[in-house]
Amino acid sequence: MNSTNEKISDAEDIKEIKRRLNQIEQQMEISKKNKNKGSKKVLAMISAILIIFLLLFFIGIYQFISGGN
């Protein structure tokens, strides 16, 4: 009798562990998606700032060269 109860308890424990594992995996997927959105926004902002900086830099070089003549 005691071994039957242990088997039932073990089966319930395994089911509980699987349920918790699935729940954690779902939370990690949601977290990963949210991080990707945030990192894409940051990367886009850095890229925009870099492009503007380079554009102004080359305009400055052009004006410097043109002003020397």
PDB file of N, CA and C in Angstrom:
ATOM      1  N   MET A   1       0.832  -1.199   0.000  1.00  0.00           N
ATOM      2  CA  MET A   1       0.000   0.000   0.000  1.00  0.00           C
ATOM      3  C   MET A   1       0.867   1.250   0.000  1.00  0.00           C
ATOM      4  N   ASN A   2       1.903   1.193   0.800  1.00  0.00           N
ATOM      5  CA  ASN A   2       2.766   2.353   0.931  1.00  0.00           C
ATOM      6  C   ASN A   2       3.483   2.651  -0.377  1.00  0.00           C
ATOM      7  N   SER A   3       3.911   1.617  -1.088  1.00  0.00           N
ATOM      8  CA  SER A   3       4.613   1.835  -2.355  1.00  0.00           C
ATOM      9  C   SER A   3       3.665   2.367  -3.413  1.00  0.00           C
ATOM     10  N   THR A   4       2.389   2.007  -3.384  1.00  0.00           N
ATOM     11  CA  THR A   4       1.400   2.531  -4.329  1.00  0.00           C
ATOM     12  C   THR A   4       1.206   4.022  -4.096  1.00  0.00           C
ATOM     13  N   ASN A   5       1.117   4.420  -2.830  1.00  0.00           N
ATOM     14  CA  ASN A   5       0.972   5.846  -2.515  1.00  0.00           C
ATOM     15  C   ASN A   5       2.200   6.638  -2.964  1.00  0.00           C
ATOM     16  N   GLU A   6       3.380   6.016  -2.803  1.00  0.00           N
ATOM     17  CA  GLU A   6       4.602   6.695  -3.235  1.00  0.00           C
ATOM     18  C   GLU A   6       4.622   6.872  -4.745  1.00  0.00           C
ATOM     19  N   LYS A   7       4.155   5.848  -5.490  1.00  0.00           N
ATOM     20  CA  LYS A   7       4.111   5.939  -6.947  1.00  0.00           C
ATOM     21  C   LYS A   7       3.145   7.031  -7.392  1.00  0.00           C
ATOM     22  N   ILE A   8       1.983   7.098  -6.731  1.00  0.00           N
ATOM     23  CA  ILE A   8       1.001   8.130  -7.062  1.00  0.00           C
ATOM     24  C   ILE A   8       1.583   9.502  -6.747  1.00  0.00           C
ATOM     25  N   SER A   9       2.227   9.602  -5.605  1.00  0.00           N
ATOM     26  CA  SER A   9       2.830  10.871  -5.208  1.00  0.00           C
ATOM     27  C   SER A   9       3.936  11.270  -6.187  1.00  0.00           C
ATOM     28  N   ASP A  10       4.739  10.295  -6.604  1.00  0.00           N
ATOM     29  CA  ASP A  10       5.802  10.579  -7.571  1.00  0.00           C
ATOM     30  C   ASP A  10       5.215  11.040  -8.901  1.00  0.00           C
ATOM     31  N   ALA A  11       4.155  10.388  -9.344  1.00  0.00           N
ATOM     32  CA  ALA A  11       3.516  10.772 -10.609  1.00  0.00           C
ATOM     33  C   ALA A  11       2.957  12.184 -10.515  1.00  0.00           C
ATOM     34  N   GLU A  12       2.349  12.518  -9.383  1.00  0.00           N
ATOM     35  CA  GLU A  12       1.816  13.861  -9.177  1.00  0.00           C
ATOM     36  C   GLU A  12       2.955  14.888  -9.137  1.00  0.00           C
ATOM     37  N   ASP A  13       4.058  14.507  -8.484  1.00  0.00           N
ATOM     38  CA  ASP A  13       5.213  15.403  -8.425  1.00  0.00           C
ATOM     39  C   ASP A  13       5.773  15.657  -9.821  1.00  0.00           C
ATOM     40  N   ILE A  14       5.843  14.596 -10.625  1.00  0.00           N
ATOM     41  CA  ILE A  14       6.352  14.744 -11.990  1.00  0.00           C
ATOM     42  C   ILE A  14       5.440  15.647 -12.801  1.00  0.00           C
ATOM     43  N   LYS A  15       4.129  15.470 -12.665  1.00  0.00           N
ATOM     44  CA  LYS A  15       3.176  16.322 -13.380  1.00  0.00           C
ATOM     45  C   LYS A  15       3.323  17.776 -12.943  1.00  0.00           C
ATOM     46  N   GLU A  16       3.492  17.995 -11.654  1.00  0.00           N
ATOM     47  CA  GLU A  16       3.655  19.355 -11.119  1.00  0.00           C
ATOM     48  C   GLU A  16       4.944  19.988 -11.639  1.00  0.00           C
ATOM     49  N   ILE A  17       6.015  19.204 -11.661  1.00  0.00           N
ATOM     50  CA  ILE A  17       7.293  19.714 -12.166  1.00  0.00           C
ATOM     51  C   ILE A  17       7.176  20.067 -13.643  1.00  0.00           C
ATOM     52  N   LYS A  18       6.527  19.220 -14.433  1.00  0.00           N
ATOM     53  CA  LYS A  18       6.337  19.508 -15.861  1.00  0.00           C
ATOM     54  C   LYS A  18       5.497  20.764 -16.055  1.00  0.00           C
ATOM     55  N   ARG A  19       4.449  20.920 -15.250  1.00  0.00           N
ATOM     56  CA  ARG A  19       3.595  22.092 -15.355  1.00  0.00           C
ATOM     57  C   ARG A  19       4.391  23.357 -15.043  1.00  0.00           C
ATOM     58  N   ARG A  20       5.185  23.299 -13.990  1.00  0.00           N
ATOM     59  CA  ARG A  20       5.999  24.458 -13.615  1.00  0.00           C
ATOM     60  C   ARG A  20       7.043  24.768 -14.677  1.00  0.00           C
ATOM     61  N   LEU A  21       7.652  23.737 -15.252  1.00  0.00           N
ATOM     62  CA  LEU A  21       8.643  23.931 -16.298  1.00  0.00           C
ATOM     63  C   LEU A  21       8.017  24.606 -17.516  1.00  0.00           C
ATOM     64  N   ASN A  22       6.847  24.156 -17.914  1.00  0.00           N
ATOM     65  CA  ASN A  22       6.146  24.786 -19.038  1.00  0.00           C
ATOM     66  C   ASN A  22       5.830  26.242 -18.741  1.00  0.00           C
ATOM     67  N   GLN A  23       5.412  26.514 -17.517  1.00  0.00           N
ATOM     68  CA  GLN A  23       5.084  27.880 -17.118  1.00  0.00           C
ATOM     69  C   GLN A  23       6.330  28.770 -17.182  1.00  0.00           C
ATOM     70  N   ILE A  24       7.449  28.268 -16.715  1.00  0.00           N
ATOM     71  CA  ILE A  24       8.692  29.034 -16.734  1.00  0.00           C
ATOM     72  C   ILE A  24       9.149  29.272 -18.168  1.00  0.00           C
ATOM     73  N   GLU A  25       9.020  28.253 -19.030  1.00  0.00           N
ATOM     74  CA  GLU A  25       9.397  28.423 -20.434  1.00  0.00           C
ATOM     75  C   GLU A  25       8.553  29.505 -21.103  1.00  0.00           C
ATOM     76  N   GLN A  26       7.259  29.533 -20.807  1.00  0.00           N
ATOM     77  CA  GLN A  26       6.389  30.558 -21.374  1.00  0.00           C
ATOM     78  C   GLN A  26       6.804  31.943 -20.897  1.00  0.00           C
ATOM     79  N   GLN A  27       7.122  32.073 -19.626  1.00  0.00           N
ATOM     80  CA  GLN A  27       7.553  33.360 -19.087  1.00  0.00           C
ATOM     81  C   GLN A  27       8.863  33.809 -19.727  1.00  0.00           C
ATOM     82  N   MET A  28       9.761  32.867 -19.970  1.00  0.00           N
ATOM     83  CA  MET A  28      11.037  33.213 -20.605  1.00  0.00           C
ATOM     84  C   MET A  28      10.829  33.667 -22.043  1.00  0.00           C
ATOM     85  N   GLU A  29       9.919  33.035 -22.767  1.00  0.00           N
ATOM     86  CA  GLU A  29       9.637  33.443 -24.141  1.00  0.00           C
ATOM     87  C   GLU A  29       9.059  34.855 -24.176  1.00  0.00           C
ATOM     88  N   ILE A  30       8.154  35.156 -23.264  1.00  0.00           N
ATOM     89  CA  ILE A  30       7.564  36.496 -23.191  1.00  0.00           C
ATOM     90  C   ILE A  30       8.649  37.515 -22.856  1.00  0.00           C
ATOM     91  N   SER A  31       9.499  37.175 -21.901  1.00  0.00           N
ATOM     92  CA  SER A  31      10.579  38.074 -21.501  1.00  0.00           C
ATOM     93  C   SER A  31      11.547  38.297 -22.657  1.00  0.00           C
ATOM     94  N   LYS A  32      11.848  37.245 -23.395  1.00  0.00           N
ATOM     95  CA  LYS A  32      12.763  37.354 -24.525  1.00  0.00           C
ATOM     96  C   LYS A  32      12.191  38.261 -25.606  1.00  0.00           C
ATOM     97  N   LYS A  33      10.896  38.148 -25.875  1.00  0.00           N
ATOM     98  CA  LYS A  33      10.256  38.995 -26.876  1.00  0.00           C
ATOM     99  C   LYS A  33      10.304  40.460 -26.449  1.00  0.00           C
ATOM    100  N   ASN A  34      10.050  40.715 -25.171  1.00  0.00           N
ATOM    101  CA  ASN A  34      10.079  42.093 -24.676  1.00  0.00           C
ATOM    102  C   ASN A  34      11.482  42.679 -24.745  1.00  0.00           C
ATOM    103  N   LYS A  35      12.491  41.890 -24.455  1.00  0.00           N
ATOM    104  CA  LYS A  35      13.869  42.379 -24.519  1.00  0.00           C
ATOM    105  C   LYS A  35      14.255  42.685 -25.954  1.00  0.00           C
ATOM    106  N   ASN A  36      13.798  41.842 -26.885  1.00  0.00           N
ATOM    107  CA  ASN A  36      14.119  42.079 -28.292  1.00  0.00           C
ATOM    108  C   ASN A  36      13.531  43.394 -28.773  1.00  0.00           C
ATOM    109  N   LYS A  37      12.310  43.714 -28.339  1.00  0.00           N
ATOM    110  CA  LYS A  37      11.686  44.966 -28.747  1.00  0.00           C
ATOM    111  C   LYS A  37      12.483  46.150 -28.209  1.00  0.00           C
ATOM    112  N   GLY A  38      12.890  46.073 -26.971  1.00  0.00           N
ATOM    113  CA  GLY A  38      13.649  47.158 -26.357  1.00  0.00           C
ATOM    114  C   GLY A  38      15.004  47.332 -26.997  1.00  0.00           C
ATOM    115  N   SER A  39      15.668  46.226 -27.269  1.00  0.00           N
ATOM    116  CA  SER A  39      17.000  46.327 -27.867  1.00  0.00           C
ATOM    117  C   SER A  39      16.917  46.835 -29.298  1.00  0.00           C
ATOM    118  N   LYS A  40      15.852  46.513 -30.014  1.00  0.00           N
ATOM    119  CA  LYS A  40      15.692  47.023 -31.374  1.00  0.00           C
ATOM    120  C   LYS A  40      15.492  48.533 -31.358  1.00  0.00           C
ATOM    121  N   LYS A  41      14.755  49.038 -30.383  1.00  0.00           N
ATOM    122  CA  LYS A  41      14.541  50.478 -30.277  1.00  0.00           C
ATOM    123  C   LYS A  41      15.848  51.191 -29.967  1.00  0.00           C
ATOM    124  N   VAL A  42      16.621  50.648 -29.053  1.00  0.00           N
ATOM    125  CA  VAL A  42      17.902  51.255 -28.684  1.00  0.00           C
ATOM    126  C   VAL A  42      18.850  51.235 -29.875  1.00  0.00           C
ATOM    127  N   LEU A  43      18.905  50.116 -30.581  1.00  0.00           N
ATOM    128  CA  LEU A  43      19.772  50.013 -31.750  1.00  0.00           C
ATOM    129  C   LEU A  43      19.351  51.007 -32.838  1.00  0.00           C
ATOM    130  N   ALA A  44      18.060  51.184 -33.036  1.00  0.00           N
ATOM    131  CA  ALA A  44      17.571  52.145 -34.029  1.00  0.00           C
ATOM    132  C   ALA A  44      17.955  53.570 -33.633  1.00  0.00           C
ATOM    133  N   MET A  45      17.844  53.906 -32.359  1.00  0.00           N
ATOM    134  CA  MET A  45      18.204  55.248 -31.900  1.00  0.00           C
ATOM    135  C   MET A  45      19.704  55.501 -32.078  1.00  0.00           C
ATOM    136  N   ILE A  46      20.531  54.526 -31.722  1.00  0.00           N
ATOM    137  CA  ILE A  46      21.975  54.671 -31.872  1.00  0.00           C
ATOM    138  C   ILE A  46      22.335  54.817 -33.347  1.00  0.00           C
ATOM    139  N   SER A  47      21.693  54.032 -34.187  1.00  0.00           N
ATOM    140  CA  SER A  47      21.957  54.127 -35.629  1.00  0.00           C
ATOM    141  C   SER A  47      21.573  55.502 -36.168  1.00  0.00           C
ATOM    142  N   ALA A  48      20.421  56.024 -35.749  1.00  0.00           N
ATOM    143  CA  ALA A  48      19.982  57.340 -36.214  1.00  0.00           C
ATOM    144  C   ALA A  48      20.958  58.429 -35.773  1.00  0.00           C
ATOM    145  N   ILE A  49      21.401  58.374 -34.541  1.00  0.00           N
ATOM    146  CA  ILE A  49      22.359  59.361 -34.036  1.00  0.00           C
ATOM    147  C   ILE A  49      23.674  59.269 -34.807  1.00  0.00           C
ATOM    148  N   LEU A  50      24.130  58.065 -35.072  1.00  0.00           N
ATOM    149  CA  LEU A  50      25.375  57.874 -35.812  1.00  0.00           C
ATOM    150  C   LEU A  50      25.262  58.411 -37.242  1.00  0.00           C
ATOM    151  N   ILE A  51      24.152  58.145 -37.889  1.00  0.00           N
ATOM    152  CA  ILE A  51      23.945  58.636 -39.256  1.00  0.00           C
ATOM    153  C   ILE A  51      23.934  60.164 -39.286  1.00  0.00           C
ATOM    154  N   ILE A  52      23.224  60.780 -38.338  1.00  0.00           N
ATOM    155  CA  ILE A  52      23.175  62.250 -38.280  1.00  0.00           C
ATOM    156  C   ILE A  52      24.569  62.818 -38.023  1.00  0.00           C
ATOM    157  N   PHE A  53      25.307  62.205 -37.102  1.00  0.00           N
ATOM    158  CA  PHE A  53      26.661  62.667 -36.805  1.00  0.00           C
ATOM    159  C   PHE A  53      27.546  62.590 -38.043  1.00  0.00           C
ATOM    160  N   LEU A  54      27.527  61.459 -38.736  1.00  0.00           N
ATOM    161  CA  LEU A  54      28.355  61.304 -39.937  1.00  0.00           C
ATOM    162  C   LEU A  54      27.949  62.290 -41.030  1.00  0.00           C
ATOM    163  N   LEU A  55      26.661  62.503 -41.184  1.00  0.00           N
ATOM    164  CA  LEU A  55      26.184  63.456 -42.187  1.00  0.00           C
ATOM    165  C   LEU A  55      26.711  64.857 -41.887  1.00  0.00           C
ATOM    166  N   LEU A  56      26.581  65.285 -40.645  1.00  0.00           N
ATOM    167  CA  LEU A  56      27.081  66.616 -40.265  1.00  0.00           C
ATOM    168  C   LEU A  56      28.601  66.693 -40.381  1.00  0.00           C
ATOM    169  N   PHE A  57      29.276  65.622 -40.056  1.00  0.00           N
ATOM    170  CA  PHE A  57      30.730  65.583 -40.157  1.00  0.00           C
ATOM    171  C   PHE A  57      31.172  65.787 -41.604  1.00  0.00           C
ATOM    172  N   PHE A  58      30.558  65.068 -42.521  1.00  0.00           N
ATOM    173  CA  PHE A  58      30.948  65.202 -43.930  1.00  0.00           C
ATOM    174  C   PHE A  58      30.526  66.548 -44.521  1.00  0.00           C
ATOM    175  N   ILE A  59      29.423  67.095 -44.062  1.00  0.00           N
ATOM    176  CA  ILE A  59      29.047  68.450 -44.495  1.00  0.00           C
ATOM    177  C   ILE A  59      30.103  69.448 -44.025  1.00  0.00           C
ATOM    178  N   GLY A  60      30.587  69.285 -42.803  1.00  0.00           N
ATOM    179  CA  GLY A  60      31.636  70.156 -42.271  1.00  0.00           C
ATOM    180  C   GLY A  60      32.924  70.047 -43.069  1.00  0.00           C
ATOM    181  N   ILE A  61      33.304  68.839 -43.402  1.00  0.00           N
ATOM    182  CA  ILE A  61      34.520  68.636 -44.211  1.00  0.00           C
ATOM    183  C   ILE A  61      34.334  69.313 -45.579  1.00  0.00           C
ATOM    184  N   TYR A  62      33.191  69.120 -46.183  1.00  0.00           N
ATOM    185  CA  TYR A  62      32.916  69.740 -47.504  1.00  0.00           C
ATOM    186  C   TYR A  62      33.016  71.256 -47.425  1.00  0.00           C
ATOM    187  N   GLN A  63      32.427  71.847 -46.377  1.00  0.00           N
ATOM    188  CA  GLN A  63      32.481  73.308 -46.223  1.00  0.00           C
ATOM    189  C   GLN A  63      33.902  73.779 -45.983  1.00  0.00           C
ATOM    190  N   PHE A  64      34.676  73.023 -45.218  1.00  0.00           N
ATOM    191  CA  PHE A  64      36.070  73.391 -44.953  1.00  0.00           C
ATOM    192  C   PHE A  64      36.884  73.390 -46.239  1.00  0.00           C
ATOM    193  N   ILE A  65      36.706  72.340 -47.044  1.00  0.00           N
ATOM    194  CA  ILE A  65      37.437  72.244 -48.304  1.00  0.00           C
ATOM    195  C   ILE A  65      36.981  73.336 -49.279  1.00  0.00           C
ATOM    196  N   SER A  66      35.680  73.566 -49.357  1.00  0.00           N
ATOM    197  CA  SER A  66      35.147  74.581 -50.278  1.00  0.00           C
ATOM    198  C   SER A  66      35.579  75.989 -49.853  1.00  0.00           C
ATOM    199  N   GLY A  67      35.682  76.240 -48.589  1.00  0.00           N
ATOM    200  CA  GLY A  67      36.047  77.578 -48.100  1.00  0.00           C
ATOM    201  C   GLY A  67      37.506  77.904 -48.338  1.00  0.00           C
ATOM    202  N   GLY A  68      38.342  76.931 -48.540  1.00  0.00           N
ATOM    203  CA  GLY A  68      39.772  77.160 -48.734  1.00  0.00           C
ATOM    204  C   GLY A  68      40.096  77.699 -50.112  1.00  0.00           C
ATOM    205  N   ASN A  69      39.215  77.562 -51.061  1.00  0.00           N
ATOM    206  CA  ASN A  69      39.515  78.005 -52.430  1.00  0.00           C
ATOM    207  C   ASN A  69      39.187  79.413 -52.570  1.00  0.00           C
TER     208      ASN A  69
END
